Every structure is written in C-alpha cells, then in structure tokens.
C-alpha cells in the first residue's frame, strides 16, 4: 500500500507534467543570445533600452520582437531585428501529450525559438560626409 507522502508526491509530479507544455517544461521561457561587434565595446540597445557593451550575453523572452542596435562613437549604427519561429517538434510533442500542453505553449509562446543564437555586428567607420 502506498503511504500518504508517496501518493502526494506522485500526484504533484503528475500534475506538473500534465499541466505544463513540452516547450515550457524543457526549454523555458527565455533564449540566450550572444552579441558581439567588430570592433568590440559597442553599446547595445534593445528596443531602445541600454543593455551594456559588446561582447554581451542576453536572456530575452521568447516570442517577443526585438530591435537590437549597436552604437559606437565614430562608427555607423548597425540595427538588427531578432526574429522567432515556431519549433515544429514542440508542436508535435504537445499534440501527443495532450491539449493542455498545446494551450500552455501557445499562450506563453515558449514553443518559439530565436532564429539565431548569436549575432556579430561589423561596424563601419563613419565617412566624413555623415559626421
């Protein structure tokens, strides 16, 4: 006979697995993006907010749109739009595991992943005309 503690633990574990989507459970809600520049030391702005200087590792919420700017005095500004795509594997796993996983991963956007996990901006020296 199963004692009460083991039964409670089994119920908690099964609820956790049943009410969490596969992507939410295994990949989380944020992506790590490595940003660098040549030359290094460029200021990184994410949606207009200063996030530091290159080289830089950022954890960004999945599924949101981001405009990333690299700014360094004496160099042209470089802009990059971070895009996401839906992982077909997560959708298949969610469908196989039940409707609740599909709903959770769709609502949270956790089955999205960044199209790139690193980006290097090659900054160009400003010409005398654009100074």
C-alpha atoms as a PDB file:
ATOM      1  CA  UNK A   1       0.000   0.000   0.000  1.00  0.00           C
ATOM      2  CA  UNK A   2       1.278   3.461  -0.901  1.00  0.00           C
ATOM      3  CA  UNK A   3       1.724   5.794   2.052  1.00  0.00           C
ATOM      4  CA  UNK A   4       0.287   9.325   2.018  1.00  0.00           C
ATOM      5  CA  UNK A   5       3.603  11.107   1.362  1.00  0.00           C
ATOM      6  CA  UNK A   6       4.409   8.996  -1.688  1.00  0.00           C
ATOM      7  CA  UNK A   7       0.891   9.451  -3.040  1.00  0.00           C
ATOM      8  CA  UNK A   8       1.070  13.222  -2.600  1.00  0.00           C
ATOM      9  CA  UNK A   9       4.460  13.339  -4.332  1.00  0.00           C
ATOM     10  CA  UNK A  10       3.132  11.219  -7.193  1.00  0.00           C
ATOM     11  CA  UNK A  11       0.085  13.487  -7.577  1.00  0.00           C
ATOM     12  CA  UNK A  12       2.211  16.661  -7.560  1.00  0.00           C
ATOM     13  CA  UNK A  13       4.613  15.256 -10.125  1.00  0.00           C
ATOM     14  CA  UNK A  14       1.821  14.070 -12.442  1.00  0.00           C
ATOM     15  CA  UNK A  15       0.047  17.455 -12.196  1.00  0.00           C
ATOM     16  CA  UNK A  16       3.282  19.230 -13.046  1.00  0.00           C
ATOM     17  CA  UNK A  17       3.777  17.081 -16.133  1.00  0.00           C
ATOM     18  CA  UNK A  18       0.132  17.160 -17.203  1.00  0.00           C
ATOM     19  CA  UNK A  19      -0.347  20.907 -16.868  1.00  0.00           C
ATOM     20  CA  UNK A  20       2.883  22.059 -18.469  1.00  0.00           C
ATOM     21  CA  UNK A  21       3.602  22.163 -22.191  1.00  0.00           C
ATOM     22  CA  UNK A  22       6.644  20.345 -23.525  1.00  0.00           C
ATOM     23  CA  UNK A  23       8.434  23.522 -24.623  1.00  0.00           C
ATOM     24  CA  UNK A  24       7.674  25.238 -21.313  1.00  0.00           C
ATOM     25  CA  UNK A  25       8.947  22.241 -19.386  1.00  0.00           C
ATOM     26  CA  UNK A  26      12.116  21.545 -21.383  1.00  0.00           C
ATOM     27  CA  UNK A  27      13.263  24.813 -22.975  1.00  0.00           C
ATOM     28  CA  UNK A  28      11.923  27.542 -20.685  1.00  0.00           C
ATOM     29  CA  UNK A  29      10.610  30.987 -21.495  1.00  0.00           C
ATOM     30  CA  UNK A  30      13.846  32.778 -22.456  1.00  0.00           C
ATOM     31  CA  UNK A  31      16.519  32.423 -25.128  1.00  0.00           C
ATOM     32  CA  UNK A  32      20.197  33.212 -24.647  1.00  0.00           C
ATOM     33  CA  UNK A  33      21.592  35.429 -27.382  1.00  0.00           C
ATOM     34  CA  UNK A  34      25.312  36.173 -27.713  1.00  0.00           C
ATOM     35  CA  UNK A  35      26.052  39.612 -29.165  1.00  0.00           C
ATOM     36  CA  UNK A  36      29.439  40.822 -30.316  1.00  0.00           C
ATOM     37  CA  UNK A  37      30.840  43.504 -32.565  1.00  0.00           C
ATOM     38  CA  UNK A  38      33.950  44.336 -34.524  1.00  0.00           C
ATOM     39  CA  UNK A  39      35.375  46.465 -33.027  1.00  0.00           C
ATOM     40  CA  UNK A  40      34.198  45.361 -29.600  1.00  0.00           C
ATOM     41  CA  UNK A  41      32.855  47.746 -26.969  1.00  0.00           C
ATOM     42  CA  UNK A  42      29.785  48.873 -28.903  1.00  0.00           C
ATOM     43  CA  UNK A  43      26.790  49.972 -26.843  1.00  0.00           C
ATOM     44  CA  UNK A  44      23.861  47.544 -27.225  1.00  0.00           C
ATOM     45  CA  UNK A  45      20.315  48.947 -27.207  1.00  0.00           C
ATOM     46  CA  UNK A  46      17.399  46.507 -27.094  1.00  0.00           C
ATOM     47  CA  UNK A  47      14.131  48.197 -28.091  1.00  0.00           C
ATOM     48  CA  UNK A  48      15.824  51.482 -27.197  1.00  0.00           C
ATOM     49  CA  UNK A  49      16.993  50.398 -23.713  1.00  0.00           C
ATOM     50  CA  UNK A  50      20.729  50.285 -22.932  1.00  0.00           C
ATOM     51  CA  UNK A  51      21.744  46.697 -22.104  1.00  0.00           C
ATOM     52  CA  UNK A  52      25.541  47.038 -21.968  1.00  0.00           C
ATOM     53  CA  UNK A  53      28.576  46.779 -24.253  1.00  0.00           C
ATOM     54  CA  UNK A  54      29.749  44.013 -26.562  1.00  0.00           C
ATOM     55  CA  UNK A  55      30.608  41.235 -26.096  1.00  0.00           C
ATOM     56  CA  UNK A  56      27.338  40.600 -24.296  1.00  0.00           C
ATOM     57  CA  UNK A  57      25.099  37.634 -23.495  1.00  0.00           C
ATOM     58  CA  UNK A  58      21.395  38.456 -23.117  1.00  0.00           C
ATOM     59  CA  UNK A  59      18.439  36.361 -21.971  1.00  0.00           C
ATOM     60  CA  UNK A  60      15.388  37.547 -23.898  1.00  0.00           C
ATOM     61  CA  UNK A  61      11.779  36.429 -23.539  1.00  0.00           C
ATOM     62  CA  UNK A  62      10.747  34.082 -26.326  1.00  0.00           C
ATOM     63  CA  UNK A  63       8.294  35.160 -28.985  1.00  0.00           C
ATOM     64  CA  UNK A  64       8.650  38.912 -28.494  1.00  0.00           C
ATOM     65  CA  UNK A  65      10.002  41.165 -31.209  1.00  0.00           C
ATOM     66  CA  UNK A  66      13.294  42.893 -30.527  1.00  0.00           C
ATOM     67  CA  UNK A  67      15.199  45.611 -32.357  1.00  0.00           C
ATOM     68  CA  UNK A  68      18.850  45.464 -31.388  1.00  0.00           C
ATOM     69  CA  UNK A  69      21.134  48.415 -32.143  1.00  0.00           C
ATOM     70  CA  UNK A  70      24.919  48.527 -31.930  1.00  0.00           C
ATOM     71  CA  UNK A  71      26.265  52.041 -31.371  1.00  0.00           C
ATOM     72  CA  UNK A  72      29.895  53.142 -31.114  1.00  0.00           C
ATOM     73  CA  UNK A  73      31.277  56.639 -31.480  1.00  0.00           C
ATOM     74  CA  UNK A  74      32.976  57.136 -34.841  1.00  0.00           C
ATOM     75  CA  UNK A  75      31.101  54.205 -36.422  1.00  0.00           C
ATOM     76  CA  UNK A  76      27.827  53.799 -38.311  1.00  0.00           C
ATOM     77  CA  UNK A  77      24.990  52.429 -36.182  1.00  0.00           C
ATOM     78  CA  UNK A  78      24.041  48.827 -37.004  1.00  0.00           C
ATOM     79  CA  UNK A  79      20.456  47.618 -36.436  1.00  0.00           C
ATOM     80  CA  UNK A  80      19.283  44.011 -36.286  1.00  0.00           C
ATOM     81  CA  UNK A  81      15.755  42.676 -35.850  1.00  0.00           C
ATOM     82  CA  UNK A  82      15.623  39.471 -33.819  1.00  0.00           C
ATOM     83  CA  UNK A  83      13.066  37.072 -35.279  1.00  0.00           C
ATOM     84  CA  UNK A  84      11.478  33.925 -33.910  1.00  0.00           C
ATOM     85  CA  UNK A  85       9.978  30.824 -35.439  1.00  0.00           C
ATOM     86  CA  UNK A  86       7.828  28.049 -34.023  1.00  0.00           C
ATOM     87  CA  UNK A  87       9.565  24.749 -33.384  1.00  0.00           C
ATOM     88  CA  UNK A  88       7.552  22.055 -35.185  1.00  0.00           C
ATOM     89  CA  UNK A  89       8.949  19.420 -32.819  1.00  0.00           C
ATOM     90  CA  UNK A  90       7.402  21.159 -29.809  1.00  0.00           C
ATOM     91  CA  UNK A  91       4.012  21.281 -31.505  1.00  0.00           C
ATOM     92  CA  UNK A  92       4.125  17.568 -32.300  1.00  0.00           C
ATOM     93  CA  UNK A  93       5.165  16.691 -28.732  1.00  0.00           C
ATOM     94  CA  UNK A  94       2.426  18.918 -27.311  1.00  0.00           C
ATOM     95  CA  UNK A  95      -0.215  17.301 -29.512  1.00  0.00           C
ATOM     96  CA  UNK A  96       0.950  13.834 -28.485  1.00  0.00           C
ATOM     97  CA  UNK A  97       0.946  14.756 -24.793  1.00  0.00           C
ATOM     98  CA  UNK A  98      -2.493  16.366 -24.789  1.00  0.00           C
ATOM     99  CA  UNK A  99      -4.457  19.529 -25.362  1.00  0.00           C
ATOM    100  CA  UNK A 100      -3.312  21.259 -22.171  1.00  0.00           C
ATOM    101  CA  UNK A 101       0.327  21.344 -23.368  1.00  0.00           C
ATOM    102  CA  UNK A 102      -0.730  22.884 -26.678  1.00  0.00           C
ATOM    103  CA  UNK A 103      -2.726  25.578 -24.893  1.00  0.00           C
ATOM    104  CA  UNK A 104       0.058  26.401 -22.423  1.00  0.00           C
ATOM    105  CA  UNK A 105       2.866  26.567 -25.004  1.00  0.00           C
ATOM    106  CA  UNK A 106       0.713  28.559 -27.437  1.00  0.00           C
ATOM    107  CA  UNK A 107      -0.349  31.046 -24.751  1.00  0.00           C
ATOM    108  CA  UNK A 108       3.166  31.553 -23.374  1.00  0.00           C
ATOM    109  CA  UNK A 109       4.943  31.493 -26.755  1.00  0.00           C
ATOM    110  CA  UNK A 110       7.502  29.078 -25.308  1.00  0.00           C
ATOM    111  CA  UNK A 111       7.451  26.879 -28.412  1.00  0.00           C
ATOM    112  CA  UNK A 112       9.101  29.782 -30.270  1.00  0.00           C
ATOM    113  CA  UNK A 113      12.854  29.978 -30.515  1.00  0.00           C
ATOM    114  CA  UNK A 114      15.168  32.663 -31.814  1.00  0.00           C
ATOM    115  CA  UNK A 115      16.258  32.170 -35.398  1.00  0.00           C
ATOM    116  CA  UNK A 116      19.836  32.981 -34.332  1.00  0.00           C
ATOM    117  CA  UNK A 117      21.569  32.377 -31.008  1.00  0.00           C
ATOM    118  CA  UNK A 118      24.429  34.773 -31.773  1.00  0.00           C
ATOM    119  CA  UNK A 119      24.992  37.868 -33.841  1.00  0.00           C
ATOM    120  CA  UNK A 120      28.147  39.800 -34.707  1.00  0.00           C
ATOM    121  CA  UNK A 121      27.842  43.381 -35.948  1.00  0.00           C
ATOM    122  CA  UNK A 122      30.651  44.505 -38.242  1.00  0.00           C
ATOM    123  CA  UNK A 123      30.671  48.252 -37.641  1.00  0.00           C
ATOM    124  CA  UNK A 124      31.848  50.565 -40.423  1.00  0.00           C
ATOM    125  CA  UNK A 125      33.791  53.753 -39.778  1.00  0.00           C
ATOM    126  CA  UNK A 126      31.679  56.873 -40.386  1.00  0.00           C
ATOM    127  CA  UNK A 127      32.573  58.696 -43.544  1.00  0.00           C
ATOM    128  CA  UNK A 128      33.465  62.415 -43.292  1.00  0.00           C
ATOM    129  CA  UNK A 129      30.169  63.271 -45.078  1.00  0.00           C
ATOM    130  CA  UNK A 130      27.972  61.657 -42.396  1.00  0.00           C
ATOM    131  CA  UNK A 131      29.753  63.142 -39.343  1.00  0.00           C
END
